[in-house]
C-alpha atoms as a PDB file:
ATOM      1  CA  MET A   1     -22.024  46.805  -3.677  1.00  0.00           C
ATOM      2  CA  SER A   2     -19.359  44.211  -4.115  1.00  0.00           C
ATOM      3  CA  GLU A   3     -19.579  41.729  -6.954  1.00  0.00           C
ATOM      4  CA  GLU A   4     -20.408  38.173  -6.049  1.00  0.00           C
ATOM      5  CA  HIS A   5     -17.329  36.022  -6.278  1.00  0.00           C
ATOM      6  CA  THR A   6     -17.758  32.861  -8.328  1.00  0.00           C
ATOM      7  CA  PRO A   7     -15.184  30.211  -7.513  1.00  0.00           C
ATOM      8  CA  PRO A   8     -13.432  28.758 -10.517  1.00  0.00           C
ATOM      9  CA  SER A   9     -14.925  25.498 -11.713  1.00  0.00           C
ATOM     10  CA  ALA A  10     -12.920  22.403 -11.057  1.00  0.00           C
ATOM     11  CA  GLY A  11     -11.039  21.127 -14.057  1.00  0.00           C
ATOM     12  CA  PRO A  12     -11.537  17.700 -15.568  1.00  0.00           C
ATOM     13  CA  PRO A  13     -10.329  14.811 -13.411  1.00  0.00           C
ATOM     14  CA  ARG A  14      -6.804  13.655 -14.019  1.00  0.00           C
ATOM     15  CA  LEU A  15      -6.301  10.484 -16.017  1.00  0.00           C
ATOM     16  CA  LEU A  16      -5.359   8.228 -13.107  1.00  0.00           C
ATOM     17  CA  ASP A  17      -8.323   9.505 -11.096  1.00  0.00           C
ATOM     18  CA  GLN A  18     -10.526   8.572 -14.049  1.00  0.00           C
ATOM     19  CA  VAL A  19      -8.967   5.109 -14.010  1.00  0.00           C
ATOM     20  CA  ARG A  20      -9.665   4.695 -10.290  1.00  0.00           C
ATOM     21  CA  ASP A  21     -13.239   5.908 -10.705  1.00  0.00           C
ATOM     22  CA  ALA A  22     -13.889   3.485 -13.584  1.00  0.00           C
ATOM     23  CA  ILE A  23     -12.465   0.590 -11.568  1.00  0.00           C
ATOM     24  CA  ARG A  24     -14.581   1.392  -8.508  1.00  0.00           C
ATOM     25  CA  ARG A  25     -17.761   1.734 -10.569  1.00  0.00           C
ATOM     26  CA  ARG A  26     -17.169  -1.829 -11.726  1.00  0.00           C
ATOM     27  CA  HIS A  27     -16.479  -3.005  -8.161  1.00  0.00           C
ATOM     28  CA  TYR A  28     -13.030  -4.341  -8.965  1.00  0.00           C
ATOM     29  CA  SER A  29     -10.843  -5.190  -5.987  1.00  0.00           C
ATOM     30  CA  TYR A  30      -8.411  -2.723  -4.464  1.00  0.00           C
ATOM     31  CA  ARG A  31      -5.560  -5.030  -5.522  1.00  0.00           C
ATOM     32  CA  THR A  32      -6.694  -4.721  -9.139  1.00  0.00           C
ATOM     33  CA  GLU A  33      -6.957  -0.955  -8.772  1.00  0.00           C
ATOM     34  CA  GLN A  34      -3.402  -0.697  -7.460  1.00  0.00           C
ATOM     35  CA  SER A  35      -2.080  -2.988 -10.171  1.00  0.00           C
ATOM     36  CA  TYR A  36      -3.796  -1.211 -13.091  1.00  0.00           C
ATOM     37  CA  VAL A  37      -2.798   2.256 -11.886  1.00  0.00           C
ATOM     38  CA  GLN A  38       0.839   1.220 -11.514  1.00  0.00           C
ATOM     39  CA  TRP A  39       1.001  -0.376 -14.961  1.00  0.00           C
ATOM     40  CA  ILE A  40      -0.599   2.653 -16.610  1.00  0.00           C
ATOM     41  CA  LYS A  41       1.889   4.917 -14.820  1.00  0.00           C
ATOM     42  CA  ARG A  42       4.777   2.789 -16.036  1.00  0.00           C
ATOM     43  CA  PHE A  43       3.426   2.829 -19.602  1.00  0.00           C
ATOM     44  CA  ILE A  44       3.175   6.631 -19.583  1.00  0.00           C
ATOM     45  CA  TRP A  45       6.704   7.035 -18.184  1.00  0.00           C
ATOM     46  CA  PHE A  46       8.071   4.534 -20.697  1.00  0.00           C
ATOM     47  CA  SER A  47       6.448   6.517 -23.514  1.00  0.00           C
ATOM     48  CA  GLY A  48       8.035   9.833 -22.556  1.00  0.00           C
ATOM     49  CA  LYS A  49       5.124  11.043 -20.381  1.00  0.00           C
ATOM     50  CA  ARG A  50       2.868  11.450 -23.398  1.00  0.00           C
ATOM     51  CA  HIS A  51      -0.880  11.100 -22.986  1.00  0.00           C
ATOM     52  CA  PRO A  52      -2.126   7.624 -23.970  1.00  0.00           C
ATOM     53  CA  ARG A  53      -4.450   9.203 -26.555  1.00  0.00           C
ATOM     54  CA  GLU A  54      -1.322  10.169 -28.476  1.00  0.00           C
ATOM     55  CA  LEU A  55       0.025   6.628 -28.389  1.00  0.00           C
ATOM     56  CA  GLY A  56      -0.790   3.603 -30.466  1.00  0.00           C
ATOM     57  CA  ALA A  57       0.074   0.043 -31.371  1.00  0.00           C
ATOM     58  CA  ALA A  58       3.792   0.712 -31.732  1.00  0.00           C
ATOM     59  CA  GLU A  59       4.138   2.154 -28.230  1.00  0.00           C
ATOM     60  CA  VAL A  60       2.040  -0.555 -26.561  1.00  0.00           C
ATOM     61  CA  THR A  61       3.945  -3.314 -28.341  1.00  0.00           C
ATOM     62  CA  ALA A  62       7.273  -1.684 -27.463  1.00  0.00           C
ATOM     63  CA  PHE A  63       6.267  -1.456 -23.807  1.00  0.00           C
ATOM     64  CA  LEU A  64       5.206  -5.103 -23.593  1.00  0.00           C
ATOM     65  CA  SER A  65       8.335  -6.217 -25.436  1.00  0.00           C
ATOM     66  CA  HIS A  66      10.435  -4.146 -23.029  1.00  0.00           C
ATOM     67  CA  LEU A  67       8.854  -5.958 -20.105  1.00  0.00           C
ATOM     68  CA  ALA A  68       9.502  -9.366 -21.634  1.00  0.00           C
ATOM     69  CA  SER A  69      13.000  -8.890 -23.053  1.00  0.00           C
ATOM     70  CA  GLU A  70      14.673  -6.271 -20.864  1.00  0.00           C
ATOM     71  CA  ARG A  71      12.821  -6.557 -17.569  1.00  0.00           C
ATOM     72  CA  ASP A  72      12.452 -10.338 -17.938  1.00  0.00           C
ATOM     73  CA  VAL A  73       9.023 -10.397 -16.307  1.00  0.00           C
ATOM     74  CA  ALA A  74       6.904 -13.525 -16.145  1.00  0.00           C
ATOM     75  CA  ALA A  75       4.205 -14.136 -18.739  1.00  0.00           C
ATOM     76  CA  SER A  76       1.509 -13.568 -16.111  1.00  0.00           C
ATOM     77  CA  THR A  77       3.004 -10.158 -15.285  1.00  0.00           C
ATOM     78  CA  GLN A  78       3.129  -9.167 -18.949  1.00  0.00           C
ATOM     79  CA  ASN A  79      -0.509 -10.195 -19.368  1.00  0.00           C
ATOM     80  CA  GLN A  80      -1.430  -8.151 -16.305  1.00  0.00           C
ATOM     81  CA  ALA A  81       0.134  -5.082 -17.916  1.00  0.00           C
ATOM     82  CA  LEU A  82      -1.776  -5.754 -21.135  1.00  0.00           C
ATOM     83  CA  SER A  83      -5.056  -6.076 -19.212  1.00  0.00           C
ATOM     84  CA  ALA A  84      -4.407  -2.696 -17.592  1.00  0.00           C
ATOM     85  CA  LEU A  85      -3.841  -1.047 -20.974  1.00  0.00           C
ATOM     86  CA  LEU A  86      -6.910  -2.713 -22.483  1.00  0.00           C
ATOM     87  CA  PHE A  87      -8.940  -1.320 -19.585  1.00  0.00           C
ATOM     88  CA  LEU A  88      -7.417   2.136 -20.000  1.00  0.00           C
ATOM     89  CA  TYR A  89      -8.236   2.436 -23.676  1.00  0.00           C
ATOM     90  CA  GLY A  90     -11.544   0.583 -23.729  1.00  0.00           C
ATOM     91  CA  GLN A  91     -13.178   1.553 -20.418  1.00  0.00           C
ATOM     92  CA  VAL A  92     -11.592   4.888 -19.481  1.00  0.00           C
ATOM     93  CA  LEU A  93     -10.729   6.645 -22.728  1.00  0.00           C
ATOM     94  CA  GLY A  94     -13.531   4.984 -24.677  1.00  0.00           C
ATOM     95  CA  VAL A  95     -11.265   4.535 -27.657  1.00  0.00           C
ATOM     96  CA  GLU A  96     -11.965   1.652 -30.000  1.00  0.00           C
ATOM     97  CA  LEU A  97      -8.592   0.332 -31.055  1.00  0.00           C
ATOM     98  CA  PRO A  98      -8.943  -2.826 -33.158  1.00  0.00           C
ATOM     99  CA  TRP A  99      -5.197  -3.384 -33.039  1.00  0.00           C
ATOM    100  CA  MET A 100      -5.346  -3.913 -29.271  1.00  0.00           C
ATOM    101  CA  LYS A 101      -7.343  -7.103 -29.766  1.00  0.00           C
ATOM    102  CA  GLY A 102      -4.661  -8.373 -32.102  1.00  0.00           C
ATOM    103  CA  ILE A 103      -1.903  -8.245 -29.505  1.00  0.00           C
ATOM    104  CA  VAL A 104      -1.059 -11.797 -28.496  1.00  0.00           C
ATOM    105  CA  ARG A 105      -0.982 -12.494 -24.789  1.00  0.00           C
ATOM    106  CA  ALA A 106       2.162 -14.135 -23.473  1.00  0.00           C
ATOM    107  CA  LYS A 107       1.824 -17.858 -22.855  1.00  0.00           C
ATOM    108  CA  ARG A 108       2.438 -18.980 -19.327  1.00  0.00           C
ATOM    109  CA  PRO A 109       4.840 -21.906 -19.117  1.00  0.00           C
ATOM    110  CA  VAL A 110       3.257 -25.208 -18.164  1.00  0.00           C
ATOM    111  CA  ARG A 111       5.079 -26.585 -15.156  1.00  0.00           C
ATOM    112  CA  VAL A 112       4.682 -29.832 -13.271  1.00  0.00           C
ATOM    113  CA  PRO A 113       3.347 -28.946  -9.796  1.00  0.00           C
ATOM    114  CA  VAL A 114       5.479 -29.720  -6.765  1.00  0.00           C
ATOM    115  CA  VAL A 115       3.834 -32.480  -4.727  1.00  0.00           C
ATOM    116  CA  LEU A 116       5.089 -33.321  -1.254  1.00  0.00           C
ATOM    117  CA  THR A 117       5.107 -36.792   0.235  1.00  0.00           C
ATOM    118  CA  ARG A 118       2.962 -37.468   3.271  1.00  0.00           C
ATOM    119  CA  ASP A 119       6.060 -37.514   5.472  1.00  0.00           C
ATOM    120  CA  GLU A 120       7.120 -34.121   4.092  1.00  0.00           C
ATOM    121  CA  VAL A 121       3.668 -32.670   4.755  1.00  0.00           C
ATOM    122  CA  ARG A 122       3.779 -34.055   8.289  1.00  0.00           C
ATOM    123  CA  ALA A 123       7.241 -32.569   8.888  1.00  0.00           C
ATOM    124  CA  LEU A 124       6.150 -29.206   7.470  1.00  0.00           C
ATOM    125  CA  LEU A 125       2.957 -28.913   9.526  1.00  0.00           C
ATOM    126  CA  ALA A 126       4.754 -30.022  12.679  1.00  0.00           C
ATOM    127  CA  ARG A 127       6.878 -26.866  12.457  1.00  0.00           C
ATOM    128  CA  LEU A 128       3.913 -24.490  12.268  1.00  0.00           C
ATOM    129  CA  GLU A 129       1.899 -23.269  15.227  1.00  0.00           C
ATOM    130  CA  GLY A 130      -1.424 -21.646  16.031  1.00  0.00           C
ATOM    131  CA  THR A 131      -3.152 -19.686  13.298  1.00  0.00           C
ATOM    132  CA  LYS A 132      -0.446 -20.446  10.741  1.00  0.00           C
ATOM    133  CA  TRP A 133      -0.772 -24.161  11.393  1.00  0.00           C
ATOM    134  CA  LEU A 134      -4.561 -23.988  11.046  1.00  0.00           C
ATOM    135  CA  MET A 135      -4.392 -22.073   7.765  1.00  0.00           C
ATOM    136  CA  ALA A 136      -1.813 -24.475   6.326  1.00  0.00           C
ATOM    137  CA  ALA A 137      -3.895 -27.458   7.445  1.00  0.00           C
ATOM    138  CA  LEU A 138      -6.942 -26.000   5.647  1.00  0.00           C
ATOM    139  CA  LEU A 139      -4.947 -25.543   2.454  1.00  0.00           C
ATOM    140  CA  TYR A 140      -3.835 -29.161   2.775  1.00  0.00           C
ATOM    141  CA  GLY A 141      -7.084 -30.742   3.939  1.00  0.00           C
ATOM    142  CA  SER A 142      -9.665 -28.583   2.131  1.00  0.00           C
ATOM    143  CA  GLY A 143      -7.721 -27.691  -1.006  1.00  0.00           C
ATOM    144  CA  LEU A 144      -8.131 -23.947  -0.452  1.00  0.00           C
ATOM    145  CA  ARG A 145      -6.037 -21.425  -2.330  1.00  0.00           C
ATOM    146  CA  LEU A 146      -4.185 -18.906  -0.187  1.00  0.00           C
ATOM    147  CA  ARG A 147      -6.429 -15.989  -1.174  1.00  0.00           C
ATOM    148  CA  GLU A 148      -9.529 -18.117  -0.623  1.00  0.00           C
ATOM    149  CA  CYS A 149      -8.342 -18.953   2.879  1.00  0.00           C
ATOM    150  CA  LEU A 150      -7.571 -15.325   3.701  1.00  0.00           C
ATOM    151  CA  LYS A 151     -10.945 -14.095   2.383  1.00  0.00           C
ATOM    152  CA  LEU A 152     -12.955 -16.777   4.155  1.00  0.00           C
ATOM    153  CA  ARG A 153     -15.891 -15.370   6.171  1.00  0.00           C
ATOM    154  CA  VAL A 154     -17.329 -16.844   9.350  1.00  0.00           C
ATOM    155  CA  LYS A 155     -20.721 -17.444   7.716  1.00  0.00           C
ATOM    156  CA  ASP A 156     -19.143 -19.668   5.060  1.00  0.00           C
ATOM    157  CA  VAL A 157     -17.938 -22.283   7.548  1.00  0.00           C
ATOM    158  CA  ASP A 158     -20.593 -24.945   8.160  1.00  0.00           C
ATOM    159  CA  PHE A 159     -19.689 -27.223  11.066  1.00  0.00           C
ATOM    160  CA  GLY A 160     -22.970 -29.156  10.796  1.00  0.00           C
ATOM    161  CA  TYR A 161     -22.320 -30.334   7.250  1.00  0.00           C
ATOM    162  CA  ARG A 162     -18.542 -30.107   7.722  1.00  0.00           C
ATOM    163  CA  GLN A 163     -18.068 -27.993   4.636  1.00  0.00           C
ATOM    164  CA  ILE A 164     -16.640 -24.644   3.569  1.00  0.00           C
ATOM    165  CA  THR A 165     -18.178 -22.440   0.880  1.00  0.00           C
ATOM    166  CA  VAL A 166     -15.619 -20.577  -1.196  1.00  0.00           C
ATOM    167  CA  ARG A 167     -17.060 -17.320  -2.552  1.00  0.00           C
ATOM    168  CA  ASP A 168     -15.800 -15.711  -5.729  1.00  0.00           C
ATOM    169  CA  GLY A 169     -12.980 -18.205  -6.222  1.00  0.00           C
ATOM    170  CA  LYS A 170     -10.926 -18.718  -9.342  1.00  0.00           C
ATOM    171  CA  GLY A 171     -12.913 -17.717 -12.402  1.00  0.00           C
ATOM    172  CA  ALA A 172     -15.292 -15.715 -10.155  1.00  0.00           C
ATOM    173  CA  LYS A 173     -17.054 -18.967  -9.216  1.00  0.00           C
ATOM    174  CA  ASP A 174     -18.370 -20.228  -5.888  1.00  0.00           C
ATOM    175  CA  ARG A 175     -17.692 -23.791  -4.796  1.00  0.00           C
ATOM    176  CA  VAL A 176     -18.092 -26.028  -1.759  1.00  0.00           C
ATOM    177  CA  THR A 177     -15.219 -28.001  -0.268  1.00  0.00           C
ATOM    178  CA  MET A 178     -14.881 -30.297   2.731  1.00  0.00           C
ATOM    179  CA  LEU A 179     -14.021 -29.283   6.280  1.00  0.00           C
ATOM    180  CA  PRO A 180     -12.010 -32.238   7.611  1.00  0.00           C
ATOM    181  CA  ALA A 181     -13.319 -33.581  10.910  1.00  0.00           C
ATOM    182  CA  GLU A 182      -9.833 -33.323  12.404  1.00  0.00           C
ATOM    183  CA  LEU A 183      -9.855 -29.554  11.881  1.00  0.00           C
ATOM    184  CA  ALA A 184     -13.312 -28.824  13.318  1.00  0.00           C
ATOM    185  CA  GLU A 185     -12.192 -28.559  16.955  1.00  0.00           C
ATOM    186  CA  PRO A 186      -9.160 -26.290  16.374  1.00  0.00           C
ATOM    187  CA  LEU A 187     -11.207 -24.127  13.985  1.00  0.00           C
ATOM    188  CA  ARG A 188     -13.965 -23.727  16.590  1.00  0.00           C
ATOM    189  CA  ALA A 189     -11.385 -22.696  19.181  1.00  0.00           C
ATOM    190  CA  HIS A 190      -9.846 -20.218  16.747  1.00  0.00           C
ATOM    191  CA  LEU A 191     -13.246 -18.680  15.946  1.00  0.00           C
ATOM    192  CA  ALA A 192     -14.017 -18.316  19.655  1.00  0.00           C
ATOM    193  CA  ARG A 193     -10.907 -16.162  20.027  1.00  0.00           C
ATOM    194  CA  ALA A 194     -11.732 -14.226  16.864  1.00  0.00           C
ATOM    195  CA  LYS A 195     -15.261 -13.557  18.153  1.00  0.00           C
ATOM    196  CA  ALA A 196     -13.894 -12.232  21.441  1.00  0.00           C
ATOM    197  CA  LEU A 197     -11.675  -9.876  19.436  1.00  0.00           C
ATOM    198  CA  HIS A 198     -14.678  -8.742  17.374  1.00  0.00           C
ATOM    199  CA  GLU A 199     -16.767  -8.103  20.486  1.00  0.00           C
ATOM    200  CA  ARG A 200     -13.955  -6.018  21.934  1.00  0.00           C
ATOM    201  CA  ASP A 201     -13.830  -4.008  18.704  1.00  0.00           C
ATOM    202  CA  LEU A 202     -17.582  -3.389  18.913  1.00  0.00           C
ATOM    203  CA  ALA A 203     -17.300  -2.251  22.521  1.00  0.00           C
ATOM    204  CA  GLU A 204     -14.635   0.250  21.481  1.00  0.00           C
ATOM    205  CA  GLY A 205     -16.741   1.646  18.622  1.00  0.00           C
ATOM    206  CA  TYR A 206     -15.199  -0.328  15.781  1.00  0.00           C
ATOM    207  CA  GLY A 207     -16.037  -3.831  14.546  1.00  0.00           C
ATOM    208  CA  GLU A 208     -16.470  -3.090  10.837  1.00  0.00           C
ATOM    209  CA  VAL A 209     -15.233  -5.295   8.023  1.00  0.00           C
ATOM    210  CA  GLU A 210     -15.020  -4.699   4.284  1.00  0.00           C
ATOM    211  CA  LEU A 211     -17.978  -5.987   2.266  1.00  0.00           C
ATOM    212  CA  PRO A 212     -18.623  -6.227  -1.466  1.00  0.00           C
ATOM    213  CA  ALA A 213     -19.775  -2.752  -2.525  1.00  0.00           C
ATOM    214  CA  ALA A 214     -23.305  -3.741  -3.571  1.00  0.00           C
ATOM    215  CA  LEU A 215     -23.918  -5.589  -0.298  1.00  0.00           C
ATOM    216  CA  GLU A 216     -22.608  -2.746   1.822  1.00  0.00           C
ATOM    217  CA  ARG A 217     -25.003  -0.310   0.150  1.00  0.00           C
ATOM    218  CA  LYS A 218     -27.964  -2.664   0.540  1.00  0.00           C
ATOM    219  CA  TYR A 219     -27.169  -3.834   4.080  1.00  0.00           C
ATOM    220  CA  PRO A 220     -25.164  -1.048   5.759  1.00  0.00           C
ATOM    221  CA  ASN A 221     -25.339  -2.710   9.189  1.00  0.00           C
ATOM    222  CA  ALA A 222     -23.847  -5.973   7.931  1.00  0.00           C
ATOM    223  CA  VAL A 223     -20.327  -4.539   8.217  1.00  0.00           C
ATOM    224  CA  ARG A 224     -20.511  -5.171  11.995  1.00  0.00           C
ATOM    225  CA  GLU A 225     -22.198  -8.574  11.937  1.00  0.00           C
ATOM    226  CA  TRP A 226     -20.193 -11.528  13.215  1.00  0.00           C
ATOM    227  CA  GLY A 227     -21.039 -13.733  10.241  1.00  0.00           C
ATOM    228  CA  TRP A 228     -19.362 -11.339   7.803  1.00  0.00           C
ATOM    229  CA  GLN A 229     -16.097 -11.088   9.727  1.00  0.00           C
ATOM    230  CA  TYR A 230     -12.991 -12.738   8.337  1.00  0.00           C
ATOM    231  CA  VAL A 231     -12.098 -16.133   9.765  1.00  0.00           C
ATOM    232  CA  PHE A 232      -8.468 -15.046   9.934  1.00  0.00           C
ATOM    233  CA  PRO A 233      -8.546 -11.382  11.018  1.00  0.00           C
ATOM    234  CA  SER A 234      -5.522  -9.150  11.230  1.00  0.00           C
ATOM    235  CA  ARG A 235      -4.186  -8.375  14.679  1.00  0.00           C
ATOM    236  CA  LYS A 236      -4.403  -4.652  13.978  1.00  0.00           C
ATOM    237  CA  LEU A 237      -7.152  -2.308  12.858  1.00  0.00           C
ATOM    238  CA  SER A 238      -6.432  -0.339   9.691  1.00  0.00           C
ATOM    239  CA  ALA A 239      -7.943   2.437   7.587  1.00  0.00           C
ATOM    240  CA  ASP A 240      -9.782   1.312   4.476  1.00  0.00           C
ATOM    241  CA  PRO A 241      -7.722   2.715   1.562  1.00  0.00           C
ATOM    242  CA  ARG A 242     -10.858   3.812  -0.285  1.00  0.00           C
ATOM    243  CA  SER A 243     -13.328   4.977   2.362  1.00  0.00           C
ATOM    244  CA  GLY A 244     -10.952   5.762   5.217  1.00  0.00           C
ATOM    245  CA  ALA A 245     -13.147   3.770   7.633  1.00  0.00           C
ATOM    246  CA  ILE A 246     -11.280   2.030  10.456  1.00  0.00           C
ATOM    247  CA  ARG A 247     -11.799  -1.697   9.975  1.00  0.00           C
ATOM    248  CA  ARG A 248     -10.268  -5.071  10.732  1.00  0.00           C
ATOM    249  CA  HIS A 249      -9.012  -6.673   7.545  1.00  0.00           C
ATOM    250  CA  HIS A 250      -7.820 -10.243   7.107  1.00  0.00           C
ATOM    251  CA  LEU A 251      -4.217 -11.272   7.718  1.00  0.00           C
ATOM    252  CA  TYR A 252      -1.600  -9.956   5.318  1.00  0.00           C
ATOM    253  CA  ASP A 253      -0.990 -12.052   2.219  1.00  0.00           C
ATOM    254  CA  ASP A 254       2.630 -12.780   3.104  1.00  0.00           C
ATOM    255  CA  VAL A 255       2.118 -14.089   6.659  1.00  0.00           C
ATOM    256  CA  LEU A 256       1.489 -17.729   5.743  1.00  0.00           C
ATOM    257  CA  PRO A 257       3.901 -18.026   2.765  1.00  0.00           C
ATOM    258  CA  ARG A 258       6.755 -16.744   4.918  1.00  0.00           C
ATOM    259  CA  ALA A 259       5.907 -19.174   7.710  1.00  0.00           C
ATOM    260  CA  ILE A 260       5.698 -22.100   5.276  1.00  0.00           C
ATOM    261  CA  SER A 261       9.037 -21.221   3.685  1.00  0.00           C
ATOM    262  CA  GLN A 262      10.665 -21.075   7.118  1.00  0.00           C
ATOM    263  CA  ALA A 263       9.079 -24.385   8.137  1.00  0.00           C
ATOM    264  CA  ALA A 264      10.295 -26.033   4.918  1.00  0.00           C
ATOM    265  CA  ARG A 265      13.854 -24.898   5.637  1.00  0.00           C
ATOM    266  CA  GLU A 266      13.664 -26.222   9.188  1.00  0.00           C
ATOM    267  CA  ALA A 267      12.290 -29.539   7.900  1.00  0.00           C
ATOM    268  CA  ARG A 268      15.137 -29.707   5.342  1.00  0.00           C
ATOM    269  CA  ILE A 269      12.744 -30.131   2.434  1.00  0.00           C
ATOM    270  CA  ALA A 270      14.757 -29.553  -0.731  1.00  0.00           C
ATOM    271  CA  LYS A 271      11.739 -29.102  -3.012  1.00  0.00           C
ATOM    272  CA  PRO A 272      10.479 -25.564  -3.698  1.00  0.00           C
ATOM    273  CA  VAL A 273       7.669 -25.208  -1.176  1.00  0.00           C
ATOM    274  CA  GLY A 274       5.005 -22.505  -0.998  1.00  0.00           C
ATOM    275  CA  SER A 275       1.423 -22.174   0.153  1.00  0.00           C
ATOM    276  CA  HIS A 276       0.240 -23.550  -3.200  1.00  0.00           C
ATOM    277  CA  THR A 277       2.275 -26.728  -2.646  1.00  0.00           C
ATOM    278  CA  LEU A 278      -0.087 -27.886   0.096  1.00  0.00           C
ATOM    279  CA  ARG A 279      -3.032 -27.422  -2.226  1.00  0.00           C
ATOM    280  CA  HIS A 280      -1.257 -29.411  -4.935  1.00  0.00           C
ATOM    281  CA  TYR A 281      -0.909 -32.215  -2.424  1.00  0.00           C
ATOM    282  CA  ALA A 282      -4.644 -32.054  -1.736  1.00  0.00           C
ATOM    283  CA  GLU A 283      -5.407 -32.131  -5.474  1.00  0.00           C
ATOM    284  CA  SER A 284      -3.121 -35.130  -6.006  1.00  0.00           C
ATOM    285  CA  ARG A 285      -5.532 -37.344  -4.029  1.00  0.00           C
ATOM    286  CA  VAL A 286      -9.037 -38.331  -5.044  1.00  0.00           C
ATOM    287  CA  MET A 287     -10.241 -38.093  -1.432  1.00  0.00           C
ATOM    288  CA  PRO A 288      -8.045 -36.030   0.924  1.00  0.00           C
ATOM    289  CA  SER A 289      -6.826 -38.153   3.817  1.00  0.00           C
ATOM    290  CA  LEU A 290      -5.714 -36.470   6.998  1.00  0.00           C
ATOM    291  CA  VAL A 291      -4.018 -39.466   8.542  1.00  0.00           C
ATOM    292  CA  GLY A 292      -1.399 -38.095  10.873  1.00  0.00           C
ATOM    293  CA  ILE A 293      -2.815 -34.590  11.139  1.00  0.00           C
ATOM    294  CA  ALA A 294      -4.549 -35.415  14.422  1.00  0.00           C
ATOM    295  CA  LEU A 295      -1.164 -36.295  15.898  1.00  0.00           C
ATOM    296  CA  ILE A 296       0.323 -33.080  14.563  1.00  0.00           C
ATOM    297  CA  TYR A 297      -2.675 -31.206  15.988  1.00  0.00           C
ATOM    298  CA  ARG A 298      -1.998 -32.467  19.494  1.00  0.00           C
ATOM    299  CA  GLY A 299       1.637 -31.460  19.255  1.00  0.00           C
ATOM    300  CA  ALA A 300       1.407 -28.112  17.479  1.00  0.00           C
ATOM    301  CA  TRP A 301      -2.002 -26.518  17.951  1.00  0.00           C
ATOM    302  CA  LEU A 302      -1.675 -26.325  21.712  1.00  0.00           C
ATOM    303  CA  ARG A 303       1.289 -23.984  21.238  1.00  0.00           C
ATOM    304  CA  VAL A 304      -0.883 -21.054  20.189  1.00  0.00           C
ATOM    305  CA  ALA A 305       1.151 -18.370  18.390  1.00  0.00           C
END
């Protein structure tokens, strides 16, 4: 009689897998997961591939100083690296290191925001078309941040009250902002095309969108509902990096910034212009005024990209 074969037990999970698991248990975004894993990798390589348990204040300080002095990274980047290491030691390794709390975060320089004139805004928007024009106009007219615009869901656009609800904005806070009357018609037309795309996805057996983890567990069918779809969906389906499910994500982060930079060059605007510049213009006014946008709408929106 042959002996029963017992497969060897799996070893303990590797450190970076532990990091990923801890991040997902806390429902952090995939962007945060990628960032933390990369910084922890870089810290380990910088420290001669030693395990972080063997390292201490001297190695962490040396790594952060290396980033600041030799790599010349921005203060925000250095603070991101520090946050990753704080998470590693506190949440993954469970090591109480009082010296970590004593490390001073780099101070971000205070800069005067770039504010465009109304003529510059008009010239910039006139050189954008279709979806890119609509997104830029929302940043300008509603004061949305780029990420807030990209993550906007259909259900958070209220045409009746002409308002947009921003979910989980800066500081993990929700807020309500205006939907300018001049943008209601082009936004409706855009959503009609997006809905047709969603219905085609459903007919082909797809139609899912990423949801916050807790919501997806509680309402598994919501991933296919129209209200949860992104206002600005990607043209292509893609595999979810965590679950592997085929879904339609929102547009890539760099689509609008690249278009705005190109439009600024064509408009011969010498100021440094980015997606945030349009929001700065919105913030510079007590009540956003869209005088001139209707004219730009008639000239640009009809040329759908």
